[in-house]
Amino acid sequence: MTSYILPKEMEDYINQNIDTLIDLLVTLCKIPAPSLHEEHRAKFCKEYLESFDAQKVHIDEALNVVYPIGCSEHDEIVIFMAHTDTVFPDTSPMPVTIKDNKIYSPGVGDDTAT
């Protein structure tokens, strides 16, 4: 397993916002998102970004949440991608448990936490 050393600013940000980050992750984990049916999770992500005044956020035909920041036809662009679906076909809320400072939920260690 590769380990990474975060810049101090990132570490400080995480430490200052850990409760918010955990609450967000738990909220995301509870939103059912079976493959090809991740509309609810995509909607949540879009509305979350818009709550911070993000502009031009949209959900494309493949249910990707797209947030173009400073993009134009002539710029090189950087893409940050993560999938929102889980491999679990269930459309009911997923169980989330926190024990010994670890979060347990279907898909929590997948891109949900990224």
C-alpha atoms as a PDB file:
ATOM      1  CA  MET A   1       0.000   0.000   0.000  1.00  0.00           C
ATOM      2  CA  THR A   2       1.326   3.420  -0.920  1.00  0.00           C
ATOM      3  CA  SER A   3       1.270   6.086   1.750  1.00  0.00           C
ATOM      4  CA  TYR A   4       1.132   9.779   1.029  1.00  0.00           C
ATOM      5  CA  ILE A   5       2.257  12.718   3.094  1.00  0.00           C
ATOM      6  CA  LEU A   6      -0.232  15.551   2.913  1.00  0.00           C
ATOM      7  CA  PRO A   7       0.871  19.161   2.893  1.00  0.00           C
ATOM      8  CA  LYS A   8       0.438  20.775   6.332  1.00  0.00           C
ATOM      9  CA  GLU A   9      -2.343  23.048   5.025  1.00  0.00           C
ATOM     10  CA  MET A  10      -4.360  20.017   3.940  1.00  0.00           C
ATOM     11  CA  GLU A  11      -3.777  18.227   7.218  1.00  0.00           C
ATOM     12  CA  ASP A  12      -4.841  21.339   9.135  1.00  0.00           C
ATOM     13  CA  TYR A  13      -7.982  21.674   7.011  1.00  0.00           C
ATOM     14  CA  ILE A  14      -8.935  18.050   7.615  1.00  0.00           C
ATOM     15  CA  ASN A  15      -8.320  18.325  11.348  1.00  0.00           C
ATOM     16  CA  GLN A  16     -10.362  21.536  11.606  1.00  0.00           C
ATOM     17  CA  ASN A  17     -13.253  20.053   9.608  1.00  0.00           C
ATOM     18  CA  ILE A  18     -13.211  16.385  10.561  1.00  0.00           C
ATOM     19  CA  ASP A  19     -16.724  16.376  12.052  1.00  0.00           C
ATOM     20  CA  THR A  20     -18.156  18.023   8.937  1.00  0.00           C
ATOM     21  CA  LEU A  21     -16.293  15.573   6.698  1.00  0.00           C
ATOM     22  CA  ILE A  22     -17.566  12.577   8.679  1.00  0.00           C
ATOM     23  CA  ASP A  23     -21.148  13.902   8.608  1.00  0.00           C
ATOM     24  CA  LEU A  24     -20.898  14.390   4.833  1.00  0.00           C
ATOM     25  CA  LEU A  25     -19.507  10.899   4.297  1.00  0.00           C
ATOM     26  CA  VAL A  26     -22.229   9.329   6.457  1.00  0.00           C
ATOM     27  CA  THR A  27     -24.901  11.276   4.550  1.00  0.00           C
ATOM     28  CA  LEU A  28     -23.491  10.118   1.201  1.00  0.00           C
ATOM     29  CA  CYS A  29     -23.268   6.502   2.354  1.00  0.00           C
ATOM     30  CA  LYS A  30     -26.930   6.512   3.365  1.00  0.00           C
ATOM     31  CA  ILE A  31     -28.093   7.586  -0.100  1.00  0.00           C
ATOM     32  CA  PRO A  32     -28.810   4.470  -2.175  1.00  0.00           C
ATOM     33  CA  ALA A  33     -26.868   4.494  -5.436  1.00  0.00           C
ATOM     34  CA  PRO A  34     -27.048   1.138  -7.228  1.00  0.00           C
ATOM     35  CA  SER A  35     -25.341   1.088 -10.628  1.00  0.00           C
ATOM     36  CA  LEU A  36     -27.351   2.958 -13.279  1.00  0.00           C
ATOM     37  CA  HIS A  37     -29.631   4.367 -10.567  1.00  0.00           C
ATOM     38  CA  GLU A  38     -27.474   6.874  -8.721  1.00  0.00           C
ATOM     39  CA  GLU A  39     -29.826   9.795  -9.407  1.00  0.00           C
ATOM     40  CA  HIS A  40     -30.381  10.589  -5.732  1.00  0.00           C
ATOM     41  CA  ARG A  41     -26.697  10.662  -4.869  1.00  0.00           C
ATOM     42  CA  ALA A  42     -25.910  12.736  -7.971  1.00  0.00           C
ATOM     43  CA  LYS A  43     -28.684  15.186  -7.041  1.00  0.00           C
ATOM     44  CA  PHE A  44     -27.289  15.481  -3.518  1.00  0.00           C
ATOM     45  CA  CYS A  45     -23.770  16.162  -4.854  1.00  0.00           C
ATOM     46  CA  LYS A  46     -25.061  18.793  -7.288  1.00  0.00           C
ATOM     47  CA  GLU A  47     -27.086  20.569  -4.597  1.00  0.00           C
ATOM     48  CA  TYR A  48     -24.161  20.355  -2.155  1.00  0.00           C
ATOM     49  CA  LEU A  49     -21.850  22.098  -4.619  1.00  0.00           C
ATOM     50  CA  GLU A  50     -24.511  24.703  -5.372  1.00  0.00           C
ATOM     51  CA  SER A  51     -24.873  25.403  -1.640  1.00  0.00           C
ATOM     52  CA  PHE A  52     -21.358  26.862  -1.894  1.00  0.00           C
ATOM     53  CA  ASP A  53     -22.426  29.035  -4.859  1.00  0.00           C
ATOM     54  CA  ALA A  54     -20.951  26.694  -7.464  1.00  0.00           C
ATOM     55  CA  GLN A  55     -22.169  27.785 -10.892  1.00  0.00           C
ATOM     56  CA  LYS A  56     -23.068  25.704 -13.963  1.00  0.00           C
ATOM     57  CA  VAL A  57     -23.162  22.420 -12.055  1.00  0.00           C
ATOM     58  CA  HIS A  58     -25.157  19.839 -13.981  1.00  0.00           C
ATOM     59  CA  ILE A  59     -25.856  16.136 -14.143  1.00  0.00           C
ATOM     60  CA  ASP A  60     -25.134  14.601 -17.530  1.00  0.00           C
ATOM     61  CA  GLU A  61     -26.904  11.713 -19.257  1.00  0.00           C
ATOM     62  CA  ALA A  62     -24.631   9.158 -17.537  1.00  0.00           C
ATOM     63  CA  LEU A  63     -25.547  10.641 -14.108  1.00  0.00           C
ATOM     64  CA  ASN A  64     -22.144  12.280 -13.666  1.00  0.00           C
ATOM     65  CA  VAL A  65     -22.086  15.504 -11.679  1.00  0.00           C
ATOM     66  CA  VAL A  66     -20.136  17.998 -13.767  1.00  0.00           C
ATOM     67  CA  TYR A  67     -18.758  21.208 -12.288  1.00  0.00           C
ATOM     68  CA  PRO A  68     -16.676  23.154 -14.807  1.00  0.00           C
ATOM     69  CA  ILE A  69     -14.387  25.608 -13.038  1.00  0.00           C
ATOM     70  CA  GLY A  70     -12.611  28.143 -15.233  1.00  0.00           C
ATOM     71  CA  CYS A  71     -12.909  25.997 -18.352  1.00  0.00           C
ATOM     72  CA  SER A  72     -13.044  27.394 -21.851  1.00  0.00           C
ATOM     73  CA  GLU A  73     -12.738  25.911 -25.309  1.00  0.00           C
ATOM     74  CA  HIS A  74      -9.087  26.922 -25.519  1.00  0.00           C
ATOM     75  CA  ASP A  75      -7.826  25.868 -22.096  1.00  0.00           C
ATOM     76  CA  GLU A  76      -6.265  22.609 -21.098  1.00  0.00           C
ATOM     77  CA  ILE A  77      -8.500  21.107 -18.465  1.00  0.00           C
ATOM     78  CA  VAL A  78      -7.910  18.873 -15.482  1.00  0.00           C
ATOM     79  CA  ILE A  79     -10.588  16.376 -14.617  1.00  0.00           C
ATOM     80  CA  PHE A  80     -11.238  15.060 -11.116  1.00  0.00           C
ATOM     81  CA  MET A  81     -13.401  11.959 -11.378  1.00  0.00           C
ATOM     82  CA  ALA A  82     -15.026   9.520  -9.010  1.00  0.00           C
ATOM     83  CA  HIS A  83     -18.008   7.236  -9.435  1.00  0.00           C
ATOM     84  CA  THR A  84     -21.071   7.588  -7.235  1.00  0.00           C
ATOM     85  CA  ASP A  85     -22.659   4.176  -7.594  1.00  0.00           C
ATOM     86  CA  THR A  86     -22.270   1.190  -5.328  1.00  0.00           C
ATOM     87  CA  VAL A  87     -22.239  -2.455  -6.350  1.00  0.00           C
ATOM     88  CA  PHE A  88     -25.193  -3.095  -4.088  1.00  0.00           C
ATOM     89  CA  PRO A  89     -28.480  -3.336  -5.997  1.00  0.00           C
ATOM     90  CA  ASP A  90     -30.626  -2.295  -3.047  1.00  0.00           C
ATOM     91  CA  THR A  91     -32.520   1.001  -3.330  1.00  0.00           C
ATOM     92  CA  SER A  92     -33.157   1.328   0.401  1.00  0.00           C
ATOM     93  CA  PRO A  93     -30.852   3.435   2.580  1.00  0.00           C
ATOM     94  CA  MET A  94     -27.551   1.749   3.306  1.00  0.00           C
ATOM     95  CA  PRO A  95     -26.609   0.992   6.919  1.00  0.00           C
ATOM     96  CA  VAL A  96     -23.786   3.091   8.396  1.00  0.00           C
ATOM     97  CA  THR A  97     -21.947   2.233  11.596  1.00  0.00           C
ATOM     98  CA  ILE A  98     -19.127   4.131  13.277  1.00  0.00           C
ATOM     99  CA  LYS A  99     -17.004   2.065  15.665  1.00  0.00           C
ATOM    100  CA  ASP A 100     -13.475   2.633  16.962  1.00  0.00           C
ATOM    101  CA  ASN A 101     -13.059   5.718  14.731  1.00  0.00           C
ATOM    102  CA  LYS A 102     -13.897   3.716  11.593  1.00  0.00           C
ATOM    103  CA  ILE A 103     -16.933   4.084   9.358  1.00  0.00           C
ATOM    104  CA  TYR A 104     -18.547   0.883   8.095  1.00  0.00           C
ATOM    105  CA  SER A 105     -20.990   0.990   5.197  1.00  0.00           C
ATOM    106  CA  PRO A 106     -21.321  -0.589   1.751  1.00  0.00           C
ATOM    107  CA  GLY A 107     -19.100   1.403  -0.600  1.00  0.00           C
ATOM    108  CA  VAL A 108     -17.621   3.699   2.075  1.00  0.00           C
ATOM    109  CA  GLY A 109     -14.034   2.760   1.157  1.00  0.00           C
ATOM    110  CA  ASP A 110     -14.752   3.068  -2.537  1.00  0.00           C
ATOM    111  CA  ASP A 111     -15.065   6.472  -4.256  1.00  0.00           C
ATOM    112  CA  THR A 112     -17.670   7.625  -1.742  1.00  0.00           C
ATOM    113  CA  ALA A 113     -14.854   8.786   0.523  1.00  0.00           C
ATOM    114  CA  THR A 114     -12.798  10.317  -2.276  1.00  0.00           C
END
